Amino acid sequence: MTMTYQHIEAARQRLKGQAHVTPVMTSRTLNQLVGADIFFKCENYQRVGAFKFRGAFNAMSKLTDEQKAKGVLTLSSGNHAQAVALVGRLLDIRTTVIMPDNAPATKRSATEAYGARVIDYDPDTTSREAVVDRFDREGNYTLVHPFDHEDIIAGQGTATLELAESIGHLDMLLVPCGGGGLLSGSAIAAKGLYPNCRVIGIEPEVADDATRSFHTKILQTVPNPPTIADGTRTPSLGNLTFPLILKYVDDMRTVTEEAIMEAVRFLFYRMKMVVEPSGALGLAALLSGSVKPVGKVGIIISGGNIDGPTMTLILNSEPVDH
């Protein structure tokens, strides 16, 4: 399957009445600070608190009756897990999630509350792919990968379609990058609408596998990176997302852990939004100067699922005059 803009349009039709059309928000303070017009697509207000619902529903709603009957298996540190679990409940599909034992407690509890069976593994000693392979062999499940899946990618791109419809022309789009599903889908959508829009993927500095892969054109890996942005702890891009990013994305940039936390604080104090560290990467790139904004800039806020201890750590890590 060759991913195209039309696949994202088709996904949007499937998601009508299922996914929330999330708000687009602005900040005059931020616009003055960076000298550009910034528009946040707030997927922290999506079902399960993250963009992942889009891809999960698009993919799982397309499964055959035979595939549904097997039950769905996936691997996730939290947001995709919650999305698969909720969609499983909506479509009456059994779901099993392979989750690292260091995943945020709030994400695990929400996944279980939606009805999924959660299987722990230690990311320091075992790769999640190895655990998935073992369970897949034992149970003959239908695997729905969190990012390296055509229908997942198409579903994620629908957030950018909505953003464009809301604000019109885009000169630049900043997108968080973990495994690259959101970035791939967003880039295809943006380029389909506005070929000259500059699409930039943002990663934590300590989890820079996609950035190095982009610049070297060779797939790079960072196993279990020590970043506060848990949604970006995937070790590498996928077999599908890597070539799509090379084709559709204009640049990749990184931000420090300090910049990520400052962006979370800005969104909390200035915009009254609770955003998880992975969701704040685009803003972190602007505030830190890693990206120089030009014209009308869209930022995908990918999610808002942050636990109390992590938010407390971030808010207390530096005095803020608010």
Protein backbone atom coordinates (compact mmCIF):
# COMPACT_ATOMS: atom_id res chain seq x y z
CA MET A 1 0.00 0.00 0.00
CA THR A 2 1.31 3.42 -0.99
CA MET A 3 0.10 6.01 1.51
CA THR A 4 -1.63 9.00 -0.07
CA TYR A 5 -3.71 11.98 0.93
CA GLN A 6 -6.80 10.06 -0.20
CA HIS A 7 -6.22 7.42 2.50
CA ILE A 8 -6.38 10.16 5.13
CA GLU A 9 -9.57 11.58 3.63
CA ALA A 10 -11.11 8.09 3.74
CA ALA A 11 -10.06 7.73 7.38
CA ARG A 12 -11.78 11.01 8.22
CA GLN A 13 -15.05 9.64 6.88
CA ARG A 14 -14.75 6.56 9.12
CA LEU A 15 -14.03 8.73 12.14
CA LYS A 16 -17.06 11.01 11.74
CA GLY A 17 -19.20 10.70 14.81
CA GLN A 18 -16.49 8.68 16.60
CA ALA A 19 -13.47 10.96 17.13
CA HIS A 20 -13.87 14.41 18.64
CA VAL A 21 -13.18 17.39 16.40
CA THR A 22 -10.70 18.87 18.85
CA PRO A 23 -10.32 22.61 19.41
CA VAL A 24 -7.68 24.88 17.92
CA MET A 25 -6.26 27.34 20.45
CA THR A 26 -3.97 30.37 20.32
CA SER A 27 -1.99 32.55 22.71
CA ARG A 28 -1.35 36.23 22.08
CA THR A 29 1.50 36.09 24.58
CA LEU A 30 3.16 33.31 22.60
CA ASN A 31 2.60 35.00 19.25
CA GLN A 32 4.30 38.15 20.52
CA LEU A 33 7.10 36.12 22.07
CA VAL A 34 8.01 34.20 18.90
CA GLY A 35 6.90 36.68 16.25
CA ALA A 36 4.49 34.41 14.39
CA ASP A 37 0.89 33.20 14.48
CA ILE A 38 0.78 29.88 16.34
CA PHE A 39 -2.22 27.54 16.26
CA PHE A 40 -2.41 24.53 18.58
CA LYS A 41 -4.42 21.49 17.49
CA CYS A 42 -5.41 20.22 20.92
CA GLU A 43 -5.51 16.43 20.77
CA ASN A 44 -5.24 16.42 24.57
CA TYR A 45 -9.04 16.86 24.31
CA GLN A 46 -9.46 13.82 22.07
CA ARG A 47 -11.10 10.63 23.32
CA VAL A 48 -8.66 8.85 25.71
CA GLY A 49 -6.82 12.17 25.93
CA ALA A 50 -4.63 11.68 22.85
CA PHE A 51 -4.59 11.55 19.05
CA LYS A 52 -4.14 7.77 19.20
CA PHE A 53 -7.91 7.19 19.18
CA ARG A 54 -7.97 8.31 15.54
CA GLY A 55 -5.61 5.65 14.27
CA ALA A 56 -6.94 2.90 16.52
CA PHE A 57 -10.55 3.37 15.44
CA ASN A 58 -9.64 3.68 11.77
CA ALA A 59 -7.59 0.47 11.86
CA MET A 60 -9.83 -1.65 14.05
CA SER A 61 -13.06 -0.67 12.31
CA LYS A 62 -11.59 -2.09 9.08
CA LEU A 63 -10.81 -5.53 10.53
CA THR A 64 -12.66 -8.52 9.13
CA ASP A 65 -14.98 -10.55 11.36
CA GLU A 66 -12.31 -13.27 11.48
CA GLN A 67 -9.64 -10.79 12.57
CA LYS A 68 -11.92 -9.32 15.23
CA ALA A 69 -12.74 -12.78 16.56
CA LYS A 70 -9.05 -13.48 17.21
CA GLY A 71 -8.77 -10.44 19.45
CA VAL A 72 -6.35 -7.57 19.01
CA LEU A 73 -2.78 -7.53 20.36
CA THR A 74 -0.74 -4.35 20.56
CA LEU A 75 2.31 -2.85 22.26
CA SER A 76 2.25 0.58 23.87
CA SER A 77 3.50 2.68 26.76
CA GLY A 78 0.05 4.12 27.24
CA ASN A 79 -1.86 6.31 24.79
CA HIS A 80 -2.19 3.77 21.98
CA ALA A 81 -2.99 1.17 24.62
CA GLN A 82 -5.88 3.24 25.92
CA ALA A 83 -7.11 3.91 22.40
CA VAL A 84 -7.06 0.23 21.40
CA ALA A 85 -8.77 -0.72 24.66
CA LEU A 86 -11.56 1.84 24.18
CA VAL A 87 -12.10 0.95 20.52
CA GLY A 88 -12.16 -2.71 21.53
CA ARG A 89 -14.95 -1.92 23.96
CA LEU A 90 -16.85 0.09 21.35
CA LEU A 91 -16.54 -2.63 18.68
CA ASP A 92 -16.74 -5.63 21.02
CA ILE A 93 -13.19 -6.83 20.31
CA ARG A 94 -10.99 -8.46 22.97
CA THR A 95 -7.77 -6.52 23.47
CA THR A 96 -4.37 -7.41 24.96
CA VAL A 97 -1.66 -4.79 25.49
CA ILE A 98 2.08 -5.36 25.98
CA MET A 99 3.21 -2.46 28.17
CA PRO A 100 6.58 -1.56 29.74
CA ASP A 101 6.56 -1.73 33.53
CA ASN A 102 7.74 1.90 33.71
CA ALA A 103 4.69 3.24 31.84
CA PRO A 104 2.77 5.99 33.67
CA ALA A 105 0.37 4.52 36.20
CA THR A 106 -2.51 6.66 34.95
CA LYS A 107 -2.15 5.25 31.44
CA ARG A 108 -2.05 1.67 32.65
CA SER A 109 -5.07 2.08 34.92
CA ALA A 110 -7.08 3.75 32.16
CA THR A 111 -6.17 0.96 29.73
CA GLU A 112 -7.38 -1.66 32.18
CA ALA A 113 -10.53 0.36 32.93
CA TYR A 114 -11.42 0.28 29.24
CA GLY A 115 -11.28 -3.51 29.43
CA ALA A 116 -7.89 -4.51 28.03
CA ARG A 117 -5.64 -7.19 29.49
CA VAL A 118 -2.24 -5.61 30.23
CA ILE A 119 0.97 -7.67 30.09
CA ASP A 120 4.05 -6.10 31.73
CA TYR A 121 7.64 -6.40 30.57
CA ASP A 122 10.95 -4.90 31.68
CA PRO A 123 12.27 -2.62 28.89
CA ASP A 124 15.79 -2.74 30.37
CA THR A 125 16.08 -6.47 29.81
CA THR A 126 13.57 -7.36 27.09
CA SER A 127 12.48 -5.79 23.82
CA ARG A 128 8.76 -5.30 23.50
CA GLU A 129 8.87 -6.82 20.02
CA ALA A 130 10.17 -10.07 21.54
CA VAL A 131 7.28 -10.12 24.01
CA VAL A 132 4.77 -9.41 21.24
CA ASP A 133 6.21 -12.20 19.08
CA ARG A 134 5.87 -14.67 21.95
CA PHE A 135 2.27 -13.77 22.70
CA ASP A 136 1.36 -13.63 19.02
CA ARG A 137 2.69 -17.16 18.50
CA GLU A 138 0.83 -18.43 21.56
CA GLY A 139 -2.49 -16.76 20.90
CA ASN A 140 -2.78 -16.09 17.15
CA TYR A 141 -3.96 -12.54 17.72
CA THR A 142 -4.57 -9.76 15.21
CA LEU A 143 -1.65 -7.34 15.68
CA VAL A 144 -2.44 -3.62 15.51
CA HIS A 145 0.94 -1.90 15.63
CA PRO A 146 1.01 1.51 17.36
CA PHE A 147 2.62 3.34 14.43
CA ASP A 148 3.92 1.05 11.67
CA HIS A 149 0.50 0.34 10.18
CA GLU A 150 -1.11 1.99 7.14
CA ASP A 151 -4.52 2.50 8.73
CA ILE A 152 -3.00 3.83 11.95
CA ILE A 153 -0.97 6.38 9.96
CA ALA A 154 -4.02 7.44 7.92
CA GLY A 155 -6.12 7.91 11.04
CA GLN A 156 -3.48 10.05 12.73
CA GLY A 157 -3.30 12.36 9.72
CA THR A 158 -6.91 13.42 10.17
CA ALA A 159 -5.94 15.81 12.98
CA THR A 160 -4.03 17.91 10.45
CA LEU A 161 -6.99 17.91 8.05
CA GLU A 162 -9.15 19.35 10.82
CA LEU A 163 -6.51 21.92 11.73
CA ALA A 164 -6.28 23.10 8.12
CA GLU A 165 -10.05 23.35 7.82
CA SER A 166 -10.15 25.46 10.96
CA ILE A 167 -7.45 28.00 10.13
CA GLY A 168 -6.88 27.78 6.38
CA HIS A 169 -3.37 28.09 4.98
CA LEU A 170 -0.39 26.66 6.89
CA ASP A 171 3.20 27.81 6.35
CA MET A 172 4.72 25.44 8.92
CA LEU A 173 3.61 22.42 10.92
CA LEU A 174 5.42 21.09 14.03
CA VAL A 175 4.68 17.51 15.03
CA PRO A 176 5.98 15.32 17.88
CA CYS A 177 7.78 12.18 16.76
CA GLY A 178 8.05 8.82 18.53
CA GLY A 179 7.60 5.95 16.09
CA GLY A 180 6.54 8.36 13.36
CA GLY A 181 2.88 7.44 12.82
CA LEU A 182 1.54 10.88 13.72
CA LEU A 183 4.37 12.64 11.89
CA SER A 184 3.92 10.55 8.74
CA GLY A 185 0.17 11.03 8.61
CA SER A 186 0.41 14.73 9.44
CA ALA A 187 3.03 15.33 6.76
CA ILE A 188 1.03 13.53 4.08
CA ALA A 189 -2.08 15.53 5.02
CA ALA A 190 -0.24 18.86 5.14
CA LYS A 191 1.53 18.34 1.82
CA GLY A 192 -1.71 17.17 0.21
CA LEU A 193 -3.36 20.44 1.15
CA TYR A 194 -0.43 22.86 1.05
CA PRO A 195 2.59 21.52 -0.89
CA ASN A 196 4.79 24.39 0.31
CA CYS A 197 4.01 23.91 4.01
CA ARG A 198 7.22 23.16 5.89
CA VAL A 199 6.70 20.08 8.07
CA ILE A 200 9.15 19.57 10.95
CA GLY A 201 9.26 16.61 13.33
CA ILE A 202 10.33 17.24 16.92
CA GLU A 203 12.07 14.73 19.20
CA PRO A 204 13.69 14.81 22.64
CA GLU A 205 17.46 15.25 22.40
CA VAL A 206 18.03 12.02 24.33
CA ALA A 207 15.65 10.11 22.01
CA ASP A 208 16.97 11.40 18.70
CA ASP A 209 16.82 8.20 16.62
CA ALA A 210 14.40 9.67 14.05
CA THR A 211 16.40 12.89 13.71
CA ARG A 212 19.62 10.98 13.09
CA SER A 213 17.80 8.60 10.75
CA PHE A 214 16.41 11.54 8.79
CA HIS A 215 19.76 13.26 8.36
CA THR A 216 21.83 10.13 7.65
CA LYS A 217 19.13 8.32 5.60
CA ILE A 218 20.04 5.19 7.63
CA LEU A 219 17.67 3.85 10.29
CA GLN A 220 19.05 4.62 13.75
CA THR A 221 18.02 3.17 17.13
CA VAL A 222 17.95 4.48 20.72
CA PRO A 223 16.80 1.66 23.03
CA ASN A 224 14.68 2.73 26.02
CA PRO A 225 15.71 6.44 25.91
CA PRO A 226 15.68 8.23 29.30
CA THR A 227 13.26 11.01 28.34
CA ILE A 228 10.38 12.43 30.38
CA ALA A 229 8.38 12.35 27.14
CA ASP A 230 7.28 8.72 27.53
CA GLY A 231 5.32 8.75 24.27
CA THR A 232 8.58 9.07 22.33
CA ARG A 233 10.47 6.17 23.93
CA THR A 234 10.09 3.97 20.85
CA PRO A 235 13.56 2.71 19.87
CA SER A 236 13.28 3.60 16.18
CA LEU A 237 11.05 4.56 13.29
CA GLY A 238 9.21 1.74 11.53
CA ASN A 239 9.57 0.10 8.15
CA LEU A 240 6.63 2.17 6.90
CA THR A 241 7.14 5.42 8.77
CA PHE A 242 10.85 5.87 7.98
CA PRO A 243 10.46 6.13 4.18
CA LEU A 244 7.31 8.25 4.54
CA ILE A 245 9.18 10.70 6.76
CA LEU A 246 12.06 10.86 4.29
CA LYS A 247 9.57 11.59 1.50
CA TYR A 248 7.19 14.07 3.14
CA VAL A 249 8.97 15.71 6.10
CA ASP A 250 11.19 18.74 5.54
CA ASP A 251 13.30 18.63 8.69
CA MET A 252 13.75 17.02 12.11
CA ARG A 253 14.82 18.92 15.23
CA THR A 254 15.48 18.01 18.86
CA VAL A 255 14.80 19.67 22.20
CA THR A 256 16.29 19.20 25.67
CA GLU A 257 14.46 17.75 28.65
CA GLU A 258 14.53 21.22 30.23
CA ALA A 259 12.89 22.73 27.14
CA ILE A 260 10.17 20.09 27.21
CA MET A 261 9.36 20.83 30.84
CA GLU A 262 9.33 24.57 30.21
CA ALA A 263 6.80 24.04 27.41
CA VAL A 264 4.57 21.98 29.72
CA ARG A 265 4.76 24.79 32.28
CA PHE A 266 3.93 27.45 29.66
CA LEU A 267 0.87 25.53 28.49
CA PHE A 268 -0.25 25.00 32.10
CA TYR A 269 0.26 28.53 33.42
CA ARG A 270 -0.38 30.64 30.32
CA MET A 271 -3.00 28.60 28.45
CA LYS A 272 -4.52 26.64 31.35
CA MET A 273 -3.95 23.35 29.54
CA VAL A 274 -2.72 20.04 30.94
CA VAL A 275 -0.37 18.59 28.31
CA GLU A 276 1.92 15.59 28.66
CA PRO A 277 5.62 16.08 27.85
CA SER A 278 5.38 14.32 24.47
CA GLY A 279 2.54 16.64 23.51
CA ALA A 280 4.57 19.77 24.28
CA LEU A 281 7.49 19.03 21.93
CA GLY A 282 6.40 21.46 19.20
CA LEU A 283 6.11 24.35 21.62
CA ALA A 284 9.42 23.36 23.22
CA ALA A 285 11.07 23.74 19.81
CA LEU A 286 9.72 27.28 19.46
CA LEU A 287 10.47 28.46 22.98
CA SER A 288 14.01 27.05 22.91
CA GLY A 289 14.81 28.45 19.46
CA SER A 290 15.33 25.02 17.93
CA VAL A 291 12.81 26.05 15.26
CA LYS A 292 12.36 29.58 13.91
CA PRO A 293 8.67 30.04 13.11
CA VAL A 294 7.55 31.62 9.86
CA GLY A 295 4.04 32.84 9.07
CA LYS A 296 1.11 30.68 10.12
CA VAL A 297 2.40 27.81 12.24
CA GLY A 298 0.40 24.76 13.34
CA ILE A 299 1.46 22.67 16.33
CA ILE A 300 -0.02 19.26 17.07
CA ILE A 301 -0.47 18.81 20.83
CA SER A 302 -0.54 15.04 20.79
CA GLY A 303 -1.95 14.29 24.25
CA GLY A 304 -2.66 15.27 27.82
CA ASN A 305 -2.20 12.05 29.77
CA ILE A 306 0.24 12.97 32.50
CA ASP A 307 0.24 11.59 36.02
CA GLY A 308 0.27 13.71 39.17
CA PRO A 309 3.87 13.00 40.25
CA THR A 310 5.26 13.87 36.81
CA MET A 311 3.29 17.11 36.59
CA THR A 312 4.33 18.01 40.13
CA LEU A 313 7.97 17.38 39.25
CA ILE A 314 7.71 19.60 36.18
CA LEU A 315 5.87 22.45 37.89
CA ASN A 316 8.26 22.40 40.86
CA SER A 317 11.46 22.02 38.86
CA GLU A 318 11.83 25.75 38.30
CA PRO A 319 10.14 28.81 39.84
CA VAL A 320 7.72 30.35 37.37
CA ASP A 321 6.33 33.86 37.54
CA HIS A 322 2.71 33.31 36.54
